[in-house]
N, C-alpha and C. Protein backbone atom coordinates (compact mmCIF):
# COMPACT_ATOMS: atom_id res chain seq x y z
N UNK A 1 0.87 -1.28 -0.15
CA UNK A 1 -0.25 -0.11 -0.55
C UNK A 1 1.06 1.13 -0.07
N UNK A 2 0.83 2.21 -0.85
CA UNK A 2 1.79 3.63 -1.10
C UNK A 2 1.26 4.23 -0.07
N UNK A 3 2.15 4.76 0.67
CA UNK A 3 1.77 5.87 1.62
C UNK A 3 1.27 5.29 3.06
N UNK A 4 1.98 3.95 3.35
CA UNK A 4 1.71 3.24 4.75
C UNK A 4 3.17 3.93 5.52
N UNK A 5 2.64 3.38 7.08
CA UNK A 5 3.55 3.85 7.79
C UNK A 5 3.46 3.04 8.60
N UNK A 6 4.42 3.42 9.41
CA UNK A 6 4.72 2.45 10.71
C UNK A 6 3.37 2.27 11.61
N UNK A 7 3.03 3.13 11.50
CA UNK A 7 1.35 3.49 12.89
C UNK A 7 0.48 1.45 11.75
N UNK A 8 0.41 2.07 9.72
CA UNK A 8 -0.54 1.44 9.54
C UNK A 8 0.23 -0.46 9.44
N UNK A 9 1.81 0.01 9.33
CA UNK A 9 2.10 -1.40 9.48
C UNK A 9 1.64 -2.70 11.51
N UNK A 10 1.73 -1.71 12.37
CA UNK A 10 1.62 -2.20 13.52
C UNK A 10 0.40 -2.51 13.42
N UNK A 11 -0.91 -1.72 12.41
CA UNK A 11 -2.19 -1.48 13.14
C UNK A 11 -2.43 -3.47 11.82
N UNK A 12 -2.09 -3.19 11.11
CA UNK A 12 -2.00 -4.62 10.71
C UNK A 12 -1.48 -6.15 10.94
N UNK A 13 0.13 -5.59 11.73
CA UNK A 13 0.01 -6.68 12.15
C UNK A 13 -0.33 -7.03 13.62
N UNK A 14 -0.90 -6.39 14.56
CA UNK A 14 -1.78 -7.02 15.47
C UNK A 14 -3.05 -6.93 14.83
N UNK A 15 -3.72 -7.25 13.78
CA UNK A 15 -4.83 -7.39 13.49
C UNK A 15 -4.73 -8.53 12.90
N UNK A 16 -3.57 -9.41 12.13
CA UNK A 16 -3.12 -10.42 11.33
C UNK A 16 -2.72 -11.22 12.86
N UNK A 17 -2.60 -10.75 14.04
CA UNK A 17 -2.58 -12.12 15.12
C UNK A 17 -4.16 -12.35 15.56
N UNK A 18 -4.40 -10.90 15.87
CA UNK A 18 -5.87 -10.98 16.65
C UNK A 18 -7.50 -9.60 16.18
N UNK A 19 -7.33 -10.90 15.29
CA UNK A 19 -8.59 -10.14 14.47
C UNK A 19 -9.68 -9.83 14.81
N UNK A 20 -10.35 -10.32 16.05
CA UNK A 20 -11.06 -9.90 17.06
C UNK A 20 -11.16 -8.37 17.79
N UNK A 21 -9.76 -8.26 18.06
CA UNK A 21 -9.21 -7.10 18.98
C UNK A 21 -10.17 -5.83 18.88
N UNK A 22 -10.93 -5.54 20.13
CA UNK A 22 -11.96 -4.36 20.01
C UNK A 22 -10.85 -3.24 19.76
N UNK A 23 -11.86 -2.13 18.71
CA UNK A 23 -10.74 -1.06 17.73
C UNK A 23 -10.81 -0.06 19.28
N UNK A 24 -11.26 0.18 19.97
CA UNK A 24 -10.69 1.13 21.34
C UNK A 24 -8.82 0.22 22.15
N UNK A 25 -9.15 -1.62 22.32
CA UNK A 25 -8.32 -1.75 22.54
C UNK A 25 -6.85 -1.74 21.88
N UNK A 26 -7.49 -1.68 20.00
CA UNK A 26 -6.21 -1.72 18.87
C UNK A 26 -5.58 0.02 19.53
N UNK A 27 -6.79 0.95 19.51
CA UNK A 27 -6.30 2.40 19.35
C UNK A 27 -5.41 2.50 20.39
N UNK A 28 -5.38 1.79 22.14
CA UNK A 28 -4.69 2.22 22.99
C UNK A 28 -3.30 1.89 23.23
N UNK A 29 -3.94 0.00 21.85
CA UNK A 29 -1.66 -0.05 22.00
C UNK A 29 -0.89 0.05 20.52
N UNK A 30 -2.00 1.52 19.86
CA UNK A 30 -0.74 1.97 19.04
C UNK A 30 -0.61 3.30 19.44
N UNK A 31 -1.35 4.11 20.38
CA UNK A 31 -1.36 4.58 21.14
C UNK A 31 -1.60 5.83 20.57
N UNK A 32 -2.62 6.01 19.82
CA UNK A 32 -4.21 6.67 19.75
C UNK A 32 -5.27 7.00 19.83
N UNK A 33 -6.49 7.50 19.34
CA UNK A 33 -7.63 7.52 19.68
C UNK A 33 -8.41 6.73 19.06
N UNK A 34 -9.50 5.99 19.45
CA UNK A 34 -10.29 5.19 18.82
C UNK A 34 -9.84 5.56 16.76
N UNK A 35 -9.36 4.13 16.04
CA UNK A 35 -8.39 4.94 15.11
C UNK A 35 -9.65 4.70 14.06
N UNK A 36 -9.57 5.19 13.11
CA UNK A 36 -10.42 5.97 11.51
C UNK A 36 -9.31 4.83 10.61
N UNK A 37 -7.87 4.56 10.56
CA UNK A 37 -7.42 4.42 9.67
C UNK A 37 -7.31 2.77 9.71
N UNK A 38 -8.09 1.88 9.87
CA UNK A 38 -8.81 0.47 9.71
C UNK A 38 -9.50 0.75 8.96
N UNK A 39 -10.42 1.39 9.11
CA UNK A 39 -11.54 1.95 8.17
C UNK A 39 -10.93 2.47 6.41
N UNK A 40 -9.85 3.18 6.89
CA UNK A 40 -8.30 4.04 5.75
C UNK A 40 -8.72 2.49 5.61
N UNK A 41 -7.56 1.88 5.26
CA UNK A 41 -7.03 0.53 5.06
C UNK A 41 -8.12 -0.03 4.48
N UNK A 42 -9.42 -0.25 5.02
CA UNK A 42 -10.34 -1.23 4.33
C UNK A 42 -10.32 -0.95 3.21
N UNK A 43 -11.03 0.39 3.05
CA UNK A 43 -11.83 1.48 1.36
C UNK A 43 -10.56 1.10 0.99
N UNK A 44 -8.90 1.21 0.97
CA UNK A 44 -7.66 1.03 0.15
C UNK A 44 -7.44 -0.40 -0.18
N UNK A 45 -8.47 -1.36 0.45
CA UNK A 45 -8.27 -2.70 -0.37
C UNK A 45 -7.35 -3.33 0.05
N UNK A 46 -6.48 -2.60 1.55
CA UNK A 46 -5.44 -3.45 2.18
C UNK A 46 -6.45 -4.94 3.36
N UNK A 47 -7.17 -3.84 3.70
CA UNK A 47 -8.22 -4.93 4.71
C UNK A 47 -9.37 -5.47 3.61
N UNK A 48 -9.22 -6.78 3.22
CA UNK A 48 -10.09 -7.34 2.57
C UNK A 48 -11.95 -7.26 2.92
N UNK A 49 -11.33 -7.91 4.44
CA UNK A 49 -12.52 -8.59 4.98
C UNK A 49 -12.76 -8.92 6.53
N UNK A 50 -13.34 -9.78 6.98
CA UNK A 50 -13.34 -10.11 8.70
C UNK A 50 -13.74 -11.50 8.08
N UNK A 51 -13.41 -12.46 9.18
CA UNK A 51 -13.74 -13.68 8.81
C UNK A 51 -13.40 -14.49 10.11
N UNK A 52 -14.15 -15.76 9.86
CA UNK A 52 -14.19 -16.61 11.17
C UNK A 52 -13.60 -17.54 10.29
N UNK A 53 -12.33 -18.54 11.11
CA UNK A 53 -11.51 -19.83 9.74
C UNK A 53 -12.24 -20.87 10.90
N UNK A 54 -12.88 -21.56 10.65
CA UNK A 54 -13.40 -22.42 11.34
C UNK A 54 -12.53 -24.19 10.48
N UNK A 55 -12.20 -24.29 9.56
CA UNK A 55 -11.35 -25.15 9.46
C UNK A 55 -12.74 -26.35 8.78
N UNK A 56 -12.20 -27.51 8.85
CA UNK A 56 -13.05 -28.45 8.78
C UNK A 56 -13.96 -29.07 10.05
N UNK A 57 -15.39 -29.43 9.06
CA UNK A 57 -16.39 -29.82 10.71
C UNK A 57 -16.11 -30.97 10.02
N UNK A 58 -16.70 -31.97 11.80
CA UNK A 58 -16.05 -33.06 12.39
C UNK A 58 -17.04 -34.21 11.21
N UNK A 59 -17.36 -33.95 10.43
CA UNK A 59 -18.10 -35.01 9.37
C UNK A 59 -17.48 -34.63 7.93
N UNK A 60 -16.33 -33.83 7.74
CA UNK A 60 -15.51 -33.97 6.61
C UNK A 60 -15.53 -32.77 5.75
N UNK A 61 -17.13 -32.41 5.61
CA UNK A 61 -17.28 -31.63 4.84
C UNK A 61 -16.72 -29.88 5.06
N UNK A 62 -16.72 -28.92 4.52
CA UNK A 62 -15.94 -27.79 4.29
C UNK A 62 -17.65 -26.79 4.34
N UNK A 63 -17.86 -25.98 4.78
CA UNK A 63 -18.93 -25.18 4.63
C UNK A 63 -18.28 -23.79 4.52
N UNK A 64 -19.19 -23.18 3.89
CA UNK A 64 -19.28 -21.70 3.22
C UNK A 64 -20.08 -20.68 3.27
N UNK A 65 -19.59 -19.54 3.49
CA UNK A 65 -21.14 -18.70 3.32
C UNK A 65 -20.66 -17.36 2.44
N UNK A 66 -21.04 -17.40 1.70
CA UNK A 66 -21.09 -15.89 0.09
C UNK A 66 -22.24 -15.18 0.46
N UNK A 67 -21.80 -13.85 0.02
CA UNK A 67 -22.32 -12.98 -0.20
C UNK A 67 -22.09 -12.72 -1.61
N UNK A 68 -23.37 -12.53 -2.37
CA UNK A 68 -23.35 -12.53 -3.86
C UNK A 68 -24.79 -11.49 -4.33
N UNK A 69 -24.66 -10.33 -4.30
CA UNK A 69 -25.25 -8.35 -4.43
C UNK A 69 -25.22 -8.90 -5.96
N UNK A 70 -26.67 -8.92 -6.47
CA UNK A 70 -27.02 -8.44 -7.64
C UNK A 70 -27.27 -7.11 -8.07
N UNK A 71 -27.25 -7.11 -9.57
CA UNK A 71 -27.86 -5.31 -9.92
C UNK A 71 -29.35 -5.42 -9.66
N UNK A 72 -29.97 -7.01 -10.08
CA UNK A 72 -31.36 -6.75 -10.38
C UNK A 72 -32.02 -8.05 -9.76
N UNK A 73 -33.39 -8.49 -9.57
CA UNK A 73 -33.55 -9.55 -9.16
C UNK A 73 -33.65 -10.34 -10.37
N UNK A 74 -33.13 -11.39 -9.86
CA UNK A 74 -32.95 -12.55 -10.95
C UNK A 74 -34.41 -13.00 -11.33
N UNK A 75 -34.30 -14.16 -12.41
CA UNK A 75 -35.56 -15.20 -12.34
C UNK A 75 -35.38 -16.03 -10.77
N UNK A 76 -36.03 -17.21 -10.69
CA UNK A 76 -35.79 -18.54 -9.76
C UNK A 76 -34.84 -19.77 -10.63
N UNK A 77 -34.97 -19.51 -11.44
CA UNK A 77 -34.25 -20.32 -12.70
C UNK A 77 -32.68 -20.25 -12.52
N UNK A 78 -32.06 -18.47 -12.67
CA UNK A 78 -31.30 -18.33 -12.95
C UNK A 78 -30.67 -18.70 -11.20
N UNK A 79 -31.48 -18.46 -10.19
CA UNK A 79 -30.83 -19.02 -8.81
C UNK A 79 -30.27 -20.67 -9.08
N UNK A 80 -31.51 -21.05 -9.37
CA UNK A 80 -30.98 -22.55 -9.03
C UNK A 80 -29.99 -23.17 -9.80
N UNK A 81 -29.92 -22.26 -11.14
CA UNK A 81 -28.51 -22.59 -12.13
C UNK A 81 -27.31 -22.26 -11.26
N UNK A 82 -26.90 -20.29 -10.28
CA UNK A 82 -26.18 -20.50 -9.27
C UNK A 82 -25.77 -21.26 -8.24
N UNK A 83 -27.48 -21.94 -7.89
CA UNK A 83 -26.61 -23.25 -7.12
C UNK A 83 -25.87 -24.74 -7.13
N UNK A 84 -26.56 -24.41 -8.64
CA UNK A 84 -25.54 -25.80 -9.10
C UNK A 84 -25.76 -27.18 -8.50
N UNK A 85 -24.86 -27.95 -7.72
CA UNK A 85 -24.91 -29.67 -7.51
C UNK A 85 -24.81 -29.19 -6.14
N UNK A 86 -25.25 -27.86 -5.27
CA UNK A 86 -24.88 -27.75 -3.52
C UNK A 86 -27.14 -27.75 -3.66
N UNK A 87 -27.75 -27.73 -4.19
CA UNK A 87 -29.60 -27.77 -4.24
C UNK A 87 -29.83 -27.18 -3.06
N UNK A 88 -30.31 -28.25 -2.02
CA UNK A 88 -31.00 -27.80 -0.82
C UNK A 88 -30.46 -26.94 0.14
N UNK A 89 -29.26 -27.36 0.01
CA UNK A 89 -28.06 -26.60 0.96
C UNK A 89 -28.21 -25.19 0.95
N UNK A 90 -28.27 -24.71 0.09
CA UNK A 90 -28.06 -23.56 -0.55
C UNK A 90 -29.14 -22.54 -0.70
N UNK A 91 -28.89 -21.49 0.65
CA UNK A 91 -30.43 -20.37 1.05
C UNK A 91 -30.14 -19.22 0.46
N UNK A 92 -31.63 -18.63 0.10
CA UNK A 92 -31.31 -16.71 -0.79
C UNK A 92 -31.73 -16.59 0.61
N UNK A 93 -31.36 -15.02 0.50
CA UNK A 93 -32.25 -13.93 1.21
C UNK A 93 -32.50 -13.29 0.66
N UNK A 94 -33.26 -12.68 0.58
CA UNK A 94 -33.69 -11.30 -0.44
C UNK A 94 -33.59 -9.69 0.29
N UNK A 95 -32.75 -9.10 -0.19
CA UNK A 95 -32.53 -7.92 0.49
C UNK A 95 -33.66 -6.68 0.66
């Protein structure tokens, strides 16, 4: 990231190790008030999201949660094609 300074690198280092750290705690550790730098790093694409990495479940299946936003409401046929072989395990939530 262009323009990243030592504070940005410290923030990224802490978040890499402690992704769930409260922003207030993060700000205290870097010596600044509640930081907007994390928001800026997100808008710049350096921080691309937050997730819980649960690994593999006991039955050997891997579960994934995807959010897909479409510009217009598709027909049910389009949704069926998007579902592919996962069939009934795919869930749709209208916005």
